[in-house]
C-alpha cells in the first residue's frame, strides 16, 4: 500500500501487473472464491458460477493450476474422479479477494 508520505513510484512492477492480470482475468476470481466456499468438483464450480461455459472453466482451471494456485487431483476410478483444491499459494489469496469483495460492496458499480 502506498501512503501519502511515500514518494509516488509511477512504474508498475512486473510482479504486481502479472498478479492483477491473473486474478482479474474473467472468471478467475469467481472460481477461486467459490473454491474458498467448498466447491471442489467441476460440476459444483460450474453450477456455482452462472454464465461460465465448460470451455472457459476448463481453461481457467488449467491456468490457475499452471500458476500453482489450484491443484488438480485425479482418482483413478472408472470413470476417473477429478477434484480441485487451492494450494497454499491459492489460500493466500483469501485476504486479497476479501478486500476486493468489501470494496465492491462499499462502492457498487454504476450503470
PDB file of N, CA and C in Angstrom:
ATOM      1  N   UNK A   1       0.846  -1.170   0.000  1.00  0.00           N
ATOM      2  CA  UNK A   1       0.000   0.000   0.000  1.00  0.00           C
ATOM      3  C   UNK A   1       0.892   1.233   0.000  1.00  0.00           C
ATOM      4  N   UNK A   2       0.480   2.237  -0.707  1.00  0.00           N
ATOM      5  CA  UNK A   2       1.240   3.473  -0.792  1.00  0.00           C
ATOM      6  C   UNK A   2       0.636   4.479   0.170  1.00  0.00           C
ATOM      7  N   UNK A   3       1.479   5.049   1.006  1.00  0.00           N
ATOM      8  CA  UNK A   3       0.989   6.072   1.929  1.00  0.00           C
ATOM      9  C   UNK A   3       1.286   7.444   1.344  1.00  0.00           C
ATOM     10  N   UNK A   4       0.630   8.448   1.887  1.00  0.00           N
ATOM     11  CA  UNK A   4       0.796   9.816   1.394  1.00  0.00           C
ATOM     12  C   UNK A   4       2.215  10.330   1.617  1.00  0.00           C
ATOM     13  N   UNK A   5       2.942   9.783   2.598  1.00  0.00           N
ATOM     14  CA  UNK A   5       4.285  10.272   2.902  1.00  0.00           C
ATOM     15  C   UNK A   5       5.358   9.640   2.022  1.00  0.00           C
ATOM     16  N   UNK A   6       5.028   8.564   1.302  1.00  0.00           N
ATOM     17  CA  UNK A   6       5.997   7.902   0.439  1.00  0.00           C
ATOM     18  C   UNK A   6       6.018   8.573  -0.937  1.00  0.00           C
ATOM     19  N   UNK A   7       7.192   8.620  -1.575  1.00  0.00           N
ATOM     20  CA  UNK A   7       7.231   9.182  -2.924  1.00  0.00           C
ATOM     21  C   UNK A   7       6.450   8.286  -3.885  1.00  0.00           C
ATOM     22  N   UNK A   8       5.807   8.893  -4.839  1.00  0.00           N
ATOM     23  CA  UNK A   8       4.988   8.169  -5.794  1.00  0.00           C
ATOM     24  C   UNK A   8       5.858   7.519  -6.858  1.00  0.00           C
ATOM     25  N   UNK A   9       5.791   6.202  -6.977  1.00  0.00           N
ATOM     26  CA  UNK A   9       6.522   5.465  -7.991  1.00  0.00           C
ATOM     27  C   UNK A   9       5.534   5.131  -9.097  1.00  0.00           C
ATOM     28  N   UNK A  10       5.688   5.765 -10.243  1.00  0.00           N
ATOM     29  CA  UNK A  10       4.730   5.607 -11.326  1.00  0.00           C
ATOM     30  C   UNK A  10       4.970   4.362 -12.169  1.00  0.00           C
ATOM     31  N   UNK A  11       6.015   3.652 -11.903  1.00  0.00           N
ATOM     32  CA  UNK A  11       6.312   2.451 -12.667  1.00  0.00           C
ATOM     33  C   UNK A  11       5.698   1.240 -11.957  1.00  0.00           C
ATOM     34  N   UNK A  12       4.853   0.509 -12.652  1.00  0.00           N
ATOM     35  CA  UNK A  12       4.227  -0.686 -12.093  1.00  0.00           C
ATOM     36  C   UNK A  12       5.185  -1.857 -12.279  1.00  0.00           C
ATOM     37  N   UNK A  13       5.466  -2.547 -11.192  1.00  0.00           N
ATOM     38  CA  UNK A  13       6.405  -3.661 -11.298  1.00  0.00           C
ATOM     39  C   UNK A  13       5.746  -4.838 -12.024  1.00  0.00           C
ATOM     40  N   UNK A  14       6.564  -5.647 -12.655  1.00  0.00           N
ATOM     41  CA  UNK A  14       6.076  -6.785 -13.430  1.00  0.00           C
ATOM     42  C   UNK A  14       5.294  -7.775 -12.564  1.00  0.00           C
ATOM     43  N   UNK A  15       5.757  -8.032 -11.348  1.00  0.00           N
ATOM     44  CA  UNK A  15       5.082  -8.996 -10.479  1.00  0.00           C
ATOM     45  C   UNK A  15       3.672  -8.523 -10.118  1.00  0.00           C
ATOM     46  N   UNK A  16       3.531  -7.238  -9.820  1.00  0.00           N
ATOM     47  CA  UNK A  16       2.216  -6.686  -9.497  1.00  0.00           C
ATOM     48  C   UNK A  16       1.294  -6.790 -10.710  1.00  0.00           C
ATOM     49  N   UNK A  17       1.791  -6.396 -11.865  1.00  0.00           N
ATOM     50  CA  UNK A  17       0.988  -6.440 -13.090  1.00  0.00           C
ATOM     51  C   UNK A  17       0.536  -7.868 -13.384  1.00  0.00           C
ATOM     52  N   UNK A  18       1.434  -8.811 -13.248  1.00  0.00           N
ATOM     53  CA  UNK A  18       1.107 -10.223 -13.509  1.00  0.00           C
ATOM     54  C   UNK A  18       0.042 -10.731 -12.533  1.00  0.00           C
ATOM     55  N   UNK A  19       0.169 -10.357 -11.271  1.00  0.00           N
ATOM     56  CA  UNK A  19      -0.810 -10.789 -10.259  1.00  0.00           C
ATOM     57  C   UNK A  19      -2.194 -10.208 -10.548  1.00  0.00           C
ATOM     58  N   UNK A  20      -2.250  -8.932 -10.888  1.00  0.00           N
ATOM     59  CA  UNK A  20      -3.534  -8.296 -11.195  1.00  0.00           C
ATOM     60  C   UNK A  20      -4.158  -8.924 -12.434  1.00  0.00           C
ATOM     61  N   UNK A  21      -3.352  -9.179 -13.442  1.00  0.00           N
ATOM     62  CA  UNK A  21      -3.857  -9.815 -14.660  1.00  0.00           C
ATOM     63  C   UNK A  21      -4.395 -11.215 -14.364  1.00  0.00           C
ATOM     64  N   UNK A  22      -3.723 -11.946 -13.502  1.00  0.00           N
ATOM     65  CA  UNK A  22      -4.133 -13.314 -13.191  1.00  0.00           C
ATOM     66  C   UNK A  22      -5.469 -13.359 -12.458  1.00  0.00           C
ATOM     67  N   UNK A  23      -5.572 -12.650 -11.339  1.00  0.00           N
ATOM     68  CA  UNK A  23      -6.816 -12.737 -10.573  1.00  0.00           C
ATOM     69  C   UNK A  23      -7.926 -11.883 -11.167  1.00  0.00           C
ATOM     70  N   UNK A  24      -7.545 -10.927 -12.030  1.00  0.00           N
ATOM     71  CA  UNK A  24      -8.549 -10.084 -12.656  1.00  0.00           C
ATOM     72  C   UNK A  24      -9.083 -10.640 -13.957  1.00  0.00           C
ATOM     73  N   UNK A  25      -8.531 -11.730 -14.393  1.00  0.00           N
ATOM     74  CA  UNK A  25      -8.988 -12.350 -15.618  1.00  0.00           C
ATOM     75  C   UNK A  25     -10.422 -12.829 -15.446  1.00  0.00           C
ATOM     76  N   UNK A  26     -11.219 -12.682 -16.470  1.00  0.00           N
ATOM     77  CA  UNK A  26     -12.627 -13.042 -16.367  1.00  0.00           C
ATOM     78  C   UNK A  26     -12.788 -14.455 -15.820  1.00  0.00           C
ATOM     79  N   UNK A  27     -13.558 -14.603 -14.785  1.00  0.00           N
ATOM     80  CA  UNK A  27     -13.943 -15.830 -14.084  1.00  0.00           C
ATOM     81  C   UNK A  27     -12.918 -16.320 -13.069  1.00  0.00           C
ATOM     82  N   UNK A  28     -11.663 -15.923 -13.143  1.00  0.00           N
ATOM     83  CA  UNK A  28     -10.652 -16.461 -12.215  1.00  0.00           C
ATOM     84  C   UNK A  28     -10.984 -16.142 -10.764  1.00  0.00           C
ATOM     85  N   UNK A  29     -11.303 -14.896 -10.473  1.00  0.00           N
ATOM     86  CA  UNK A  29     -11.659 -14.520  -9.107  1.00  0.00           C
ATOM     87  C   UNK A  29     -12.889 -15.264  -8.615  1.00  0.00           C
ATOM     88  N   UNK A  30     -13.869 -15.436  -9.493  1.00  0.00           N
ATOM     89  CA  UNK A  30     -15.089 -16.161  -9.119  1.00  0.00           C
ATOM     90  C   UNK A  30     -14.783 -17.624  -8.818  1.00  0.00           C
ATOM     91  N   UNK A  31     -13.944 -18.232  -9.626  1.00  0.00           N
ATOM     92  CA  UNK A  31     -13.577 -19.644  -9.406  1.00  0.00           C
ATOM     93  C   UNK A  31     -12.886 -19.803  -8.053  1.00  0.00           C
ATOM     94  N   UNK A  32     -11.929 -18.950  -7.780  1.00  0.00           N
ATOM     95  CA  UNK A  32     -11.195 -19.036  -6.513  1.00  0.00           C
ATOM     96  C   UNK A  32     -12.146 -18.788  -5.345  1.00  0.00           C
ATOM     97  N   UNK A  33     -13.017 -17.808  -5.460  1.00  0.00           N
ATOM     98  CA  UNK A  33     -13.975 -17.502  -4.382  1.00  0.00           C
ATOM     99  C   UNK A  33     -14.883 -18.688  -4.088  1.00  0.00           C
ATOM    100  N   UNK A  34     -15.370 -19.322  -5.135  1.00  0.00           N
ATOM    101  CA  UNK A  34     -16.248 -20.481  -4.963  1.00  0.00           C
ATOM    102  C   UNK A  34     -15.483 -21.640  -4.322  1.00  0.00           C
ATOM    103  N   UNK A  35     -14.224 -21.778  -4.676  1.00  0.00           N
ATOM    104  CA  UNK A  35     -13.413 -22.838  -4.069  1.00  0.00           C
ATOM    105  C   UNK A  35     -13.196 -22.579  -2.577  1.00  0.00           C
ATOM    106  N   UNK A  36     -13.100 -21.309  -2.179  1.00  0.00           N
ATOM    107  CA  UNK A  36     -12.999 -20.984  -0.752  1.00  0.00           C
ATOM    108  C   UNK A  36     -14.251 -21.438  -0.004  1.00  0.00           C
ATOM    109  N   UNK A  37     -15.377 -21.465  -0.698  1.00  0.00           N
ATOM    110  CA  UNK A  37     -16.645 -21.850  -0.072  1.00  0.00           C
ATOM    111  C   UNK A  37     -16.870 -23.351  -0.083  1.00  0.00           C
ATOM    112  N   UNK A  38     -15.923 -24.110  -0.649  1.00  0.00           N
ATOM    113  CA  UNK A  38     -16.001 -25.559  -0.553  1.00  0.00           C
ATOM    114  C   UNK A  38     -16.214 -26.316  -1.844  1.00  0.00           C
ATOM    115  N   UNK A  39     -16.477 -25.642  -2.951  1.00  0.00           N
ATOM    116  CA  UNK A  39     -16.659 -26.357  -4.210  1.00  0.00           C
ATOM    117  C   UNK A  39     -15.323 -26.953  -4.645  1.00  0.00           C
ATOM    118  N   UNK A  40     -15.351 -28.228  -5.027  1.00  0.00           N
ATOM    119  CA  UNK A  40     -14.098 -28.851  -5.446  1.00  0.00           C
ATOM    120  C   UNK A  40     -14.244 -29.719  -6.695  1.00  0.00           C
ATOM    121  N   UNK A  41     -15.451 -29.919  -7.168  1.00  0.00           N
ATOM    122  CA  UNK A  41     -15.679 -30.711  -8.377  1.00  0.00           C
ATOM    123  C   UNK A  41     -16.072 -29.783  -9.516  1.00  0.00           C
ATOM    124  N   UNK A  42     -15.768 -30.180 -10.736  1.00  0.00           N
ATOM    125  CA  UNK A  42     -16.046 -29.355 -11.904  1.00  0.00           C
ATOM    126  C   UNK A  42     -17.518 -28.955 -11.958  1.00  0.00           C
ATOM    127  N   UNK A  43     -18.405 -29.921 -11.749  1.00  0.00           N
ATOM    128  CA  UNK A  43     -19.845 -29.627 -11.830  1.00  0.00           C
ATOM    129  C   UNK A  43     -20.276 -28.650 -10.731  1.00  0.00           C
ATOM    130  N   UNK A  44     -19.689 -28.739  -9.550  1.00  0.00           N
ATOM    131  CA  UNK A  44     -20.009 -27.796  -8.469  1.00  0.00           C
ATOM    132  C   UNK A  44     -19.558 -26.380  -8.840  1.00  0.00           C
ATOM    133  N   UNK A  45     -18.375 -26.276  -9.398  1.00  0.00           N
ATOM    134  CA  UNK A  45     -17.855 -24.973  -9.804  1.00  0.00           C
ATOM    135  C   UNK A  45     -18.742 -24.366 -10.892  1.00  0.00           C
ATOM    136  N   UNK A  46     -19.095 -25.168 -11.890  1.00  0.00           N
ATOM    137  CA  UNK A  46     -19.925 -24.685 -12.995  1.00  0.00           C
ATOM    138  C   UNK A  46     -21.294 -24.220 -12.502  1.00  0.00           C
ATOM    139  N   UNK A  47     -21.892 -24.983 -11.599  1.00  0.00           N
ATOM    140  CA  UNK A  47     -23.214 -24.622 -11.069  1.00  0.00           C
ATOM    141  C   UNK A  47     -23.168 -23.377 -10.193  1.00  0.00           C
ATOM    142  N   UNK A  48     -22.045 -23.161  -9.511  1.00  0.00           N
ATOM    143  CA  UNK A  48     -21.927 -22.030  -8.587  1.00  0.00           C
ATOM    144  C   UNK A  48     -21.584 -20.715  -9.301  1.00  0.00           C
ATOM    145  N   UNK A  49     -21.193 -20.809 -10.566  1.00  0.00           N
ATOM    146  CA  UNK A  49     -20.789 -19.607 -11.312  1.00  0.00           C
ATOM    147  C   UNK A  49     -21.698 -19.472 -12.536  1.00  0.00           C
ATOM    148  N   UNK A  50     -22.821 -18.787 -12.379  1.00  0.00           N
ATOM    149  CA  UNK A  50     -23.746 -18.640 -13.513  1.00  0.00           C
ATOM    150  C   UNK A  50     -23.074 -17.946 -14.695  1.00  0.00           C
ATOM    151  N   UNK A  51     -23.289 -18.502 -15.872  1.00  0.00           N
ATOM    152  CA  UNK A  51     -22.784 -17.874 -17.080  1.00  0.00           C
ATOM    153  C   UNK A  51     -21.447 -18.390 -17.583  1.00  0.00           C
ATOM    154  N   UNK A  52     -20.744 -19.184 -16.785  1.00  0.00           N
ATOM    155  CA  UNK A  52     -19.445 -19.695 -17.247  1.00  0.00           C
ATOM    156  C   UNK A  52     -19.673 -20.935 -18.104  1.00  0.00           C
ATOM    157  N   UNK A  53     -18.941 -21.023 -19.192  1.00  0.00           N
ATOM    158  CA  UNK A  53     -19.054 -22.195 -20.057  1.00  0.00           C
ATOM    159  C   UNK A  53     -18.071 -23.266 -19.598  1.00  0.00           C
ATOM    160  N   UNK A  54     -18.336 -24.498 -20.013  1.00  0.00           N
ATOM    161  CA  UNK A  54     -17.420 -25.591 -19.684  1.00  0.00           C
ATOM    162  C   UNK A  54     -16.017 -25.300 -20.220  1.00  0.00           C
ATOM    163  N   UNK A  55     -15.938 -24.760 -21.431  1.00  0.00           N
ATOM    164  CA  UNK A  55     -14.652 -24.482 -22.049  1.00  0.00           C
ATOM    165  C   UNK A  55     -13.865 -23.444 -21.246  1.00  0.00           C
ATOM    166  N   UNK A  56     -14.553 -22.357 -20.852  1.00  0.00           N
ATOM    167  CA  UNK A  56     -13.853 -21.323 -20.086  1.00  0.00           C
ATOM    168  C   UNK A  56     -13.471 -21.812 -18.692  1.00  0.00           C
ATOM    169  N   UNK A  57     -14.332 -22.585 -18.063  1.00  0.00           N
ATOM    170  CA  UNK A  57     -13.998 -23.126 -16.742  1.00  0.00           C
ATOM    171  C   UNK A  57     -12.772 -24.020 -16.843  1.00  0.00           C
ATOM    172  N   UNK A  58     -12.752 -24.876 -17.843  1.00  0.00           N
ATOM    173  CA  UNK A  58     -11.597 -25.755 -18.048  1.00  0.00           C
ATOM    174  C   UNK A  58     -10.326 -24.944 -18.285  1.00  0.00           C
ATOM    175  N   UNK A  59     -10.436 -23.916 -19.130  1.00  0.00           N
ATOM    176  CA  UNK A  59      -9.286 -23.068 -19.452  1.00  0.00           C
ATOM    177  C   UNK A  59      -8.761 -22.339 -18.210  1.00  0.00           C
ATOM    178  N   UNK A  60      -9.663 -21.755 -17.434  1.00  0.00           N
ATOM    179  CA  UNK A  60      -9.229 -21.012 -16.243  1.00  0.00           C
ATOM    180  C   UNK A  60      -8.646 -21.951 -15.192  1.00  0.00           C
ATOM    181  N   UNK A  61      -9.255 -23.108 -14.993  1.00  0.00           N
ATOM    182  CA  UNK A  61      -8.704 -24.060 -14.026  1.00  0.00           C
ATOM    183  C   UNK A  61      -7.288 -24.479 -14.424  1.00  0.00           C
ATOM    184  N   UNK A  62      -7.073 -24.682 -15.712  1.00  0.00           N
ATOM    185  CA  UNK A  62      -5.737 -25.054 -16.198  1.00  0.00           C
ATOM    186  C   UNK A  62      -4.737 -23.919 -15.948  1.00  0.00           C
ATOM    187  N   UNK A  63      -5.146 -22.679 -16.215  1.00  0.00           N
ATOM    188  CA  UNK A  63      -4.275 -21.533 -15.960  1.00  0.00           C
ATOM    189  C   UNK A  63      -3.936 -21.415 -14.477  1.00  0.00           C
ATOM    190  N   UNK A  64      -4.950 -21.580 -13.624  1.00  0.00           N
ATOM    191  CA  UNK A  64      -4.728 -21.488 -12.176  1.00  0.00           C
ATOM    192  C   UNK A  64      -3.848 -22.631 -11.690  1.00  0.00           C
ATOM    193  N   UNK A  65      -3.995 -23.792 -12.317  1.00  0.00           N
ATOM    194  CA  UNK A  65      -3.131 -24.926 -11.980  1.00  0.00           C
ATOM    195  C   UNK A  65      -1.692 -24.629 -12.416  1.00  0.00           C
ATOM    196  N   UNK A  66      -1.512 -24.087 -13.609  1.00  0.00           N
ATOM    197  CA  UNK A  66      -0.174 -23.756 -14.108  1.00  0.00           C
ATOM    198  C   UNK A  66       0.522 -22.714 -13.229  1.00  0.00           C
ATOM    199  N   UNK A  67      -0.261 -21.839 -12.609  1.00  0.00           N
ATOM    200  CA  UNK A  67       0.285 -20.797 -11.733  1.00  0.00           C
ATOM    201  C   UNK A  67       0.520 -21.296 -10.307  1.00  0.00           C
ATOM    202  N   UNK A  68       0.129 -22.539 -10.024  1.00  0.00           N
ATOM    203  CA  UNK A  68       0.330 -23.086  -8.684  1.00  0.00           C
ATOM    204  C   UNK A  68      -0.716 -22.640  -7.672  1.00  0.00           C
ATOM    205  N   UNK A  69      -1.863 -22.168  -8.154  1.00  0.00           N
ATOM    206  CA  UNK A  69      -2.928 -21.698  -7.269  1.00  0.00           C
ATOM    207  C   UNK A  69      -3.936 -22.810  -6.991  1.00  0.00           C
ATOM    208  N   UNK A  70      -4.132 -23.665  -7.969  1.00  0.00           N
ATOM    209  CA  UNK A  70      -5.079 -24.776  -7.864  1.00  0.00           C
ATOM    210  C   UNK A  70      -4.335 -26.068  -8.127  1.00  0.00           C
ATOM    211  N   UNK A  71      -4.702 -27.102  -7.390  1.00  0.00           N
ATOM    212  CA  UNK A  71      -4.149 -28.431  -7.606  1.00  0.00           C
ATOM    213  C   UNK A  71      -5.272 -29.336  -8.092  1.00  0.00           C
ATOM    214  N   UNK A  72      -5.015 -30.064  -9.149  1.00  0.00           N
ATOM    215  CA  UNK A  72      -5.993 -30.990  -9.727  1.00  0.00           C
ATOM    216  C   UNK A  72      -5.678 -32.389  -9.225  1.00  0.00           C
ATOM    217  N   UNK A  73      -6.645 -33.012  -8.571  1.00  0.00           N
ATOM    218  CA  UNK A  73      -6.485 -34.374  -8.052  1.00  0.00           C
ATOM    219  C   UNK A  73      -7.328 -35.323  -8.888  1.00  0.00           C
ATOM    220  N   UNK A  74      -6.713 -36.397  -9.369  1.00  0.00           N
ATOM    221  CA  UNK A  74      -7.426 -37.393 -10.165  1.00  0.00           C
ATOM    222  C   UNK A  74      -7.380 -38.714  -9.426  1.00  0.00           C
ATOM    223  N   UNK A  75      -8.562 -39.272  -9.168  1.00  0.00           N
ATOM    224  CA  UNK A  75      -8.658 -40.596  -8.555  1.00  0.00           C
ATOM    225  C   UNK A  75      -8.890 -41.584  -9.694  1.00  0.00           C
ATOM    226  N   UNK A  76      -7.975 -42.555  -9.850  1.00  0.00           N
ATOM    227  CA  UNK A  76      -8.057 -43.472 -10.987  1.00  0.00           C
ATOM    228  C   UNK A  76      -9.161 -44.522 -10.841  1.00  0.00           C
ATOM    229  N   UNK A  77     -10.388 -44.069 -10.919  1.00  0.00           N
ATOM    230  CA  UNK A  77     -11.542 -44.975 -10.909  1.00  0.00           C
ATOM    231  C   UNK A  77     -12.141 -44.949 -12.307  1.00  0.00           C
ATOM    232  N   UNK A  78     -13.190 -45.719 -12.500  1.00  0.00           N
ATOM    233  CA  UNK A  78     -13.896 -45.685 -13.786  1.00  0.00           C
ATOM    234  C   UNK A  78     -15.300 -45.185 -13.573  1.00  0.00           C
ATOM    235  N   UNK A  79     -15.681 -44.048 -14.080  1.00  0.00           N
ATOM    236  CA  UNK A  79     -14.823 -43.055 -14.737  1.00  0.00           C
ATOM    237  C   UNK A  79     -13.942 -42.350 -13.707  1.00  0.00           C
ATOM    238  N   UNK A  80     -12.853 -41.728 -14.157  1.00  0.00           N
ATOM    239  CA  UNK A  80     -11.963 -41.041 -13.217  1.00  0.00           C
ATOM    240  C   UNK A  80     -12.703 -39.930 -12.466  1.00  0.00           C
ATOM    241  N   UNK A  81     -12.375 -39.768 -11.202  1.00  0.00           N
ATOM    242  CA  UNK A  81     -12.953 -38.691 -10.399  1.00  0.00           C
ATOM    243  C   UNK A  81     -11.897 -37.584 -10.280  1.00  0.00           C
ATOM    244  N   UNK A  82     -12.297 -36.392 -10.687  1.00  0.00           N
ATOM    245  CA  UNK A  82     -11.387 -35.259 -10.662  1.00  0.00           C
ATOM    246  C   UNK A  82     -11.911 -34.237  -9.669  1.00  0.00           C
ATOM    247  N   UNK A  83     -11.037 -33.761  -8.817  1.00  0.00           N
ATOM    248  CA  UNK A  83     -11.401 -32.679  -7.902  1.00  0.00           C
ATOM    249  C   UNK A  83     -10.275 -31.646  -7.927  1.00  0.00           C
ATOM    250  N   UNK A  84     -10.610 -30.459  -7.451  1.00  0.00           N
ATOM    251  CA  UNK A  84      -9.672 -29.347  -7.438  1.00  0.00           C
ATOM    252  C   UNK A  84      -9.598 -28.801  -6.031  1.00  0.00           C
ATOM    253  N   UNK A  85      -8.406 -28.333  -5.655  1.00  0.00           N
ATOM    254  CA  UNK A  85      -8.268 -27.682  -4.351  1.00  0.00           C
ATOM    255  C   UNK A  85      -7.256 -26.564  -4.467  1.00  0.00           C
ATOM    256  N   UNK A  86      -7.417 -25.604  -3.581  1.00  0.00           N
ATOM    257  CA  UNK A  86      -6.489 -24.482  -3.558  1.00  0.00           C
ATOM    258  C   UNK A  86      -5.194 -24.909  -2.881  1.00  0.00           C
ATOM    259  N   UNK A  87      -4.091 -24.495  -3.448  1.00  0.00           N
ATOM    260  CA  UNK A  87      -2.786 -24.751  -2.844  1.00  0.00           C
ATOM    261  C   UNK A  87      -2.554 -23.702  -1.757  1.00  0.00           C
ATOM    262  N   UNK A  88      -1.418 -23.783  -1.109  1.00  0.00           N
ATOM    263  CA  UNK A  88      -1.058 -22.766  -0.113  1.00  0.00           C
ATOM    264  C   UNK A  88      -1.013 -21.387  -0.768  1.00  0.00           C
ATOM    265  N   UNK A  89      -0.491 -21.330  -1.979  1.00  0.00           N
ATOM    266  CA  UNK A  89      -0.448 -20.070  -2.735  1.00  0.00           C
ATOM    267  C   UNK A  89      -1.870 -19.569  -3.008  1.00  0.00           C
ATOM    268  N   UNK A  90      -2.762 -20.473  -3.360  1.00  0.00           N
ATOM    269  CA  UNK A  90      -4.150 -20.100  -3.609  1.00  0.00           C
ATOM    270  C   UNK A  90      -4.859 -19.652  -2.346  1.00  0.00           C
ATOM    271  N   UNK A  91      -4.623 -20.352  -1.252  1.00  0.00           N
ATOM    272  CA  UNK A  91      -5.237 -19.984   0.027  1.00  0.00           C
ATOM    273  C   UNK A  91      -4.765 -18.610   0.496  1.00  0.00           C
ATOM    274  N   UNK A  92      -3.553 -18.234   0.112  1.00  0.00           N
ATOM    275  CA  UNK A  92      -3.017 -16.928   0.497  1.00  0.00           C
ATOM    276  C   UNK A  92      -3.763 -15.770  -0.180  1.00  0.00           C
ATOM    277  N   UNK A  93      -4.604 -16.081  -1.164  1.00  0.00           N
ATOM    278  CA  UNK A  93      -5.395 -15.048  -1.831  1.00  0.00           C
ATOM    279  C   UNK A  93      -6.648 -14.646  -1.043  1.00  0.00           C
ATOM    280  N   UNK A  94      -6.950 -15.335   0.042  1.00  0.00           N
ATOM    281  CA  UNK A  94      -8.166 -15.041   0.810  1.00  0.00           C
ATOM    282  C   UNK A  94      -8.282 -13.569   1.201  1.00  0.00           C
ATOM    283  N   UNK A  95      -7.274 -12.969   1.827  1.00  0.00           N
ATOM    284  CA  UNK A  95      -7.432 -11.565   2.207  1.00  0.00           C
ATOM    285  C   UNK A  95      -7.537 -10.631   0.999  1.00  0.00           C
ATOM    286  N   UNK A  96      -6.902 -10.991  -0.092  1.00  0.00           N
ATOM    287  CA  UNK A  96      -6.976 -10.173  -1.303  1.00  0.00           C
ATOM    288  C   UNK A  96      -8.405 -10.162  -1.835  1.00  0.00           C
ATOM    289  N   UNK A  97      -8.993 -11.351  -1.984  1.00  0.00           N
ATOM    290  CA  UNK A  97     -10.355 -11.440  -2.507  1.00  0.00           C
ATOM    291  C   UNK A  97     -11.370 -10.876  -1.520  1.00  0.00           C
ATOM    292  N   UNK A  98     -11.119 -11.033  -0.221  1.00  0.00           N
ATOM    293  CA  UNK A  98     -11.997 -10.416   0.783  1.00  0.00           C
ATOM    294  C   UNK A  98     -11.979  -8.896   0.641  1.00  0.00           C
ATOM    295  N   UNK A  99     -10.799  -8.331   0.413  1.00  0.00           N
ATOM    296  CA  UNK A  99     -10.686  -6.881   0.243  1.00  0.00           C
ATOM    297  C   UNK A  99     -11.400  -6.409  -1.024  1.00  0.00           C
ATOM    298  N   UNK A 100     -11.257  -7.156  -2.111  1.00  0.00           N
ATOM    299  CA  UNK A 100     -11.946  -6.795  -3.354  1.00  0.00           C
ATOM    300  C   UNK A 100     -13.457  -6.880  -3.159  1.00  0.00           C
ATOM    301  N   UNK A 101     -13.922  -7.925  -2.471  1.00  0.00           N
ATOM    302  CA  UNK A 101     -15.359  -8.070  -2.222  1.00  0.00           C
ATOM    303  C   UNK A 101     -15.885  -6.929  -1.356  1.00  0.00           C
ATOM    304  N   UNK A 102     -15.135  -6.543  -0.350  1.00  0.00           N
ATOM    305  CA  UNK A 102     -15.542  -5.423   0.517  1.00  0.00           C
ATOM    306  C   UNK A 102     -15.593  -4.128  -0.273  1.00  0.00           C
ATOM    307  N   UNK A 103     -14.593  -3.907  -1.120  1.00  0.00           N
ATOM    308  CA  UNK A 103     -14.565  -2.703  -1.946  1.00  0.00           C
ATOM    309  C   UNK A 103     -15.763  -2.692  -2.895  1.00  0.00           C
ATOM    310  N   UNK A 104     -16.059  -3.830  -3.529  1.00  0.00           N
ATOM    311  CA  UNK A 104     -17.189  -3.915  -4.458  1.00  0.00           C
ATOM    312  C   UNK A 104     -18.508  -3.673  -3.747  1.00  0.00           C
ATOM    313  N   UNK A 105     -18.606  -4.124  -2.498  1.00  0.00           N
ATOM    314  CA  UNK A 105     -19.823  -3.903  -1.717  1.00  0.00           C
ATOM    315  C   UNK A 105     -19.953  -2.435  -1.333  1.00  0.00           C
ATOM    316  N   UNK A 106     -18.845  -1.822  -0.922  1.00  0.00           N
ATOM    317  CA  UNK A 106     -18.855  -0.420  -0.497  1.00  0.00           C
ATOM    318  C   UNK A 106     -18.991   0.574  -1.654  1.00  0.00           C
ATOM    319  N   UNK A 107     -18.523   0.186  -2.831  1.00  0.00           N
ATOM    320  CA  UNK A 107     -18.523   1.060  -3.997  1.00  0.00           C
ATOM    321  C   UNK A 107     -19.153   0.332  -5.186  1.00  0.00           C
ATOM    322  N   UNK A 108     -20.465   0.097  -5.131  1.00  0.00           N
ATOM    323  CA  UNK A 108     -21.107  -0.651  -6.211  1.00  0.00           C
ATOM    324  C   UNK A 108     -20.955   0.056  -7.559  1.00  0.00           C
ATOM    325  N   UNK A 109     -20.888  -0.760  -8.594  1.00  0.00           N
ATOM    326  CA  UNK A 109     -20.736  -0.229  -9.952  1.00  0.00           C
ATOM    327  C   UNK A 109     -21.987   0.543 -10.348  1.00  0.00           C
ATOM    328  N   UNK A 110     -21.770   1.612 -11.060  1.00  0.00           N
ATOM    329  CA  UNK A 110     -22.890   2.393 -11.581  1.00  0.00           C
ATOM    330  C   UNK A 110     -23.186   1.920 -12.981  1.00  0.00           C
ATOM    331  N   UNK A 111     -24.432   1.907 -13.299  1.00  0.00           N
ATOM    332  CA  UNK A 111     -24.758   1.529 -14.671  1.00  0.00           C
ATOM    333  C   UNK A 111     -25.926   0.731 -14.710  1.00  0.00           C
TER     334      UNK A 111
END
